Amino acid sequence: MNESFSVPDEKLRQESVKNLQQVQKKLDLFGLEIEEVLGIANAKLLRQRRKCLENSVNNSIN
């Protein structure tokens, strides 16, 4: 396997770096959006657990 490899010119390397930086920003944004959704879901689950526990406490008092 004699594959030759050539280093891209400076302009192409700079464009590639800019593209990779843009992709990194998009991935960071997506990660934050996922964390936000998980936070919302977690808050909902906590409210459900609290309501269930409150109901349990109230039923045991009555």
N, C-alpha and C. Protein backbone atom coordinates (compact mmCIF):
# COMPACT_ATOMS: atom_id res chain seq x y z
N MET A 1 0.83 -1.17 0.00
CA MET A 1 0.00 0.00 0.00
C MET A 1 0.88 1.24 0.00
N ASN A 2 1.04 1.79 -1.12
CA ASN A 2 1.81 3.01 -1.25
C ASN A 2 0.88 4.19 -1.46
N GLU A 3 0.35 4.70 -0.36
CA GLU A 3 -0.52 5.86 -0.45
C GLU A 3 0.31 7.10 -0.19
N SER A 4 0.19 8.07 -1.06
CA SER A 4 0.93 9.30 -0.83
C SER A 4 0.02 10.28 -0.09
N PHE A 5 0.61 11.04 0.78
CA PHE A 5 -0.13 12.00 1.58
C PHE A 5 0.47 13.36 1.35
N SER A 6 -0.39 14.32 1.05
CA SER A 6 0.11 15.68 0.88
C SER A 6 -0.55 16.59 1.90
N VAL A 7 0.22 17.51 2.39
CA VAL A 7 -0.28 18.47 3.37
C VAL A 7 -1.07 19.54 2.61
N PRO A 8 -2.31 19.81 3.05
CA PRO A 8 -3.09 20.84 2.37
C PRO A 8 -2.43 22.21 2.50
N ASP A 9 -2.76 23.09 1.58
CA ASP A 9 -2.17 24.43 1.64
C ASP A 9 -2.73 25.20 2.83
N GLU A 10 -2.09 26.31 3.13
CA GLU A 10 -2.42 27.12 4.32
C GLU A 10 -3.89 27.56 4.32
N LYS A 11 -4.39 28.00 3.19
CA LYS A 11 -5.77 28.49 3.11
C LYS A 11 -6.76 27.36 3.45
N LEU A 12 -6.55 26.20 2.91
CA LEU A 12 -7.42 25.06 3.17
C LEU A 12 -7.35 24.65 4.64
N ARG A 13 -6.15 24.70 5.21
CA ARG A 13 -6.01 24.37 6.64
C ARG A 13 -6.76 25.37 7.50
N GLN A 14 -6.67 26.65 7.17
CA GLN A 14 -7.37 27.68 7.93
C GLN A 14 -8.89 27.50 7.83
N GLU A 15 -9.38 27.19 6.65
CA GLU A 15 -10.81 26.94 6.46
C GLU A 15 -11.26 25.72 7.26
N SER A 16 -10.42 24.70 7.27
CA SER A 16 -10.74 23.49 8.03
C SER A 16 -10.81 23.79 9.52
N VAL A 17 -9.88 24.58 10.00
CA VAL A 17 -9.87 24.96 11.42
C VAL A 17 -11.12 25.76 11.76
N LYS A 18 -11.48 26.71 10.91
CA LYS A 18 -12.70 27.50 11.14
C LYS A 18 -13.93 26.61 11.15
N ASN A 19 -14.00 25.68 10.23
CA ASN A 19 -15.13 24.75 10.19
C ASN A 19 -15.19 23.88 11.44
N LEU A 20 -14.04 23.39 11.88
CA LEU A 20 -14.00 22.58 13.10
C LEU A 20 -14.41 23.40 14.32
N GLN A 21 -14.00 24.66 14.38
CA GLN A 21 -14.40 25.52 15.49
C GLN A 21 -15.90 25.75 15.49
N GLN A 22 -16.47 25.92 14.31
CA GLN A 22 -17.92 26.11 14.20
C GLN A 22 -18.66 24.85 14.63
N VAL A 23 -18.16 23.71 14.21
CA VAL A 23 -18.77 22.44 14.61
C VAL A 23 -18.68 22.26 16.12
N GLN A 24 -17.55 22.64 16.71
CA GLN A 24 -17.38 22.54 18.16
C GLN A 24 -18.39 23.41 18.89
N LYS A 25 -18.62 24.62 18.40
CA LYS A 25 -19.61 25.51 19.01
C LYS A 25 -21.01 24.91 18.93
N LYS A 26 -21.32 24.33 17.78
CA LYS A 26 -22.64 23.70 17.61
C LYS A 26 -22.80 22.51 18.55
N LEU A 27 -21.74 21.72 18.71
CA LEU A 27 -21.79 20.59 19.63
C LEU A 27 -21.94 21.06 21.07
N ASP A 28 -21.25 22.14 21.43
CA ASP A 28 -21.38 22.71 22.78
C ASP A 28 -22.82 23.17 23.02
N LEU A 29 -23.39 23.84 22.04
CA LEU A 29 -24.77 24.31 22.16
C LEU A 29 -25.73 23.13 22.30
N PHE A 30 -25.53 22.11 21.50
CA PHE A 30 -26.37 20.92 21.57
C PHE A 30 -26.25 20.26 22.95
N GLY A 31 -25.04 20.19 23.46
CA GLY A 31 -24.83 19.62 24.79
C GLY A 31 -25.57 20.40 25.86
N LEU A 32 -25.53 21.73 25.77
CA LEU A 32 -26.26 22.55 26.73
C LEU A 32 -27.76 22.36 26.61
N GLU A 33 -28.24 22.23 25.39
CA GLU A 33 -29.68 21.99 25.19
C GLU A 33 -30.09 20.65 25.80
N ILE A 34 -29.26 19.64 25.65
CA ILE A 34 -29.56 18.34 26.24
C ILE A 34 -29.58 18.46 27.77
N GLU A 35 -28.60 19.17 28.33
CA GLU A 35 -28.57 19.35 29.78
C GLU A 35 -29.82 20.07 30.27
N GLU A 36 -30.28 21.04 29.50
CA GLU A 36 -31.49 21.77 29.88
C GLU A 36 -32.71 20.85 29.87
N VAL A 37 -32.84 20.04 28.85
CA VAL A 37 -33.96 19.09 28.77
C VAL A 37 -33.90 18.11 29.93
N LEU A 38 -32.71 17.61 30.23
CA LEU A 38 -32.56 16.69 31.35
C LEU A 38 -32.92 17.38 32.67
N GLY A 39 -32.55 18.63 32.81
CA GLY A 39 -32.89 19.38 34.01
C GLY A 39 -34.39 19.55 34.17
N ILE A 40 -35.08 19.84 33.06
CA ILE A 40 -36.54 19.97 33.09
C ILE A 40 -37.18 18.65 33.47
N ALA A 41 -36.70 17.57 32.86
CA ALA A 41 -37.25 16.24 33.17
C ALA A 41 -36.99 15.88 34.63
N ASN A 42 -35.80 16.18 35.11
CA ASN A 42 -35.46 15.88 36.50
C ASN A 42 -36.35 16.68 37.45
N ALA A 43 -36.58 17.95 37.14
CA ALA A 43 -37.46 18.78 37.98
C ALA A 43 -38.87 18.21 38.01
N LYS A 44 -39.35 17.76 36.87
CA LYS A 44 -40.69 17.17 36.81
C LYS A 44 -40.76 15.90 37.67
N LEU A 45 -39.75 15.07 37.57
CA LEU A 45 -39.73 13.85 38.38
C LEU A 45 -39.68 14.17 39.88
N LEU A 46 -38.91 15.18 40.25
CA LEU A 46 -38.85 15.58 41.66
C LEU A 46 -40.21 16.08 42.15
N ARG A 47 -40.91 16.86 41.32
CA ARG A 47 -42.24 17.34 41.70
C ARG A 47 -43.20 16.17 41.87
N GLN A 48 -43.11 15.18 40.98
CA GLN A 48 -43.97 14.01 41.10
C GLN A 48 -43.68 13.24 42.38
N ARG A 49 -42.40 13.06 42.70
CA ARG A 49 -42.03 12.35 43.93
C ARG A 49 -42.53 13.11 45.16
N ARG A 50 -42.36 14.45 45.14
CA ARG A 50 -42.80 15.26 46.27
C ARG A 50 -44.31 15.16 46.44
N LYS A 51 -45.06 15.23 45.33
CA LYS A 51 -46.51 15.14 45.40
C LYS A 51 -46.95 13.78 45.95
N CYS A 52 -46.31 12.73 45.50
CA CYS A 52 -46.62 11.38 45.97
C CYS A 52 -46.35 11.27 47.47
N LEU A 53 -45.23 11.81 47.91
CA LEU A 53 -44.88 11.75 49.32
C LEU A 53 -45.84 12.61 50.15
N GLU A 54 -46.19 13.78 49.63
CA GLU A 54 -47.16 14.63 50.32
C GLU A 54 -48.50 13.92 50.47
N ASN A 55 -48.93 13.26 49.39
CA ASN A 55 -50.18 12.51 49.45
C ASN A 55 -50.10 11.40 50.48
N SER A 56 -48.97 10.74 50.54
CA SER A 56 -48.78 9.66 51.51
C SER A 56 -48.84 10.20 52.94
N VAL A 57 -48.22 11.33 53.18
CA VAL A 57 -48.23 11.95 54.50
C VAL A 57 -49.65 12.38 54.86
N ASN A 58 -50.31 13.03 53.92
CA ASN A 58 -51.68 13.51 54.18
C ASN A 58 -52.65 12.35 54.41
N ASN A 59 -52.50 11.26 53.71
CA ASN A 59 -53.39 10.10 53.87
C ASN A 59 -53.15 9.40 55.20
N SER A 60 -51.92 9.43 55.68
CA SER A 60 -51.64 8.76 56.94
C SER A 60 -52.14 9.59 58.13
N ILE A 61 -52.29 10.89 57.94
CA ILE A 61 -52.79 11.77 58.99
C ILE A 61 -54.31 11.60 59.13
N ASN A 62 -54.98 11.44 58.00
CA ASN A 62 -56.44 11.35 58.01
C ASN A 62 -56.92 10.02 58.43
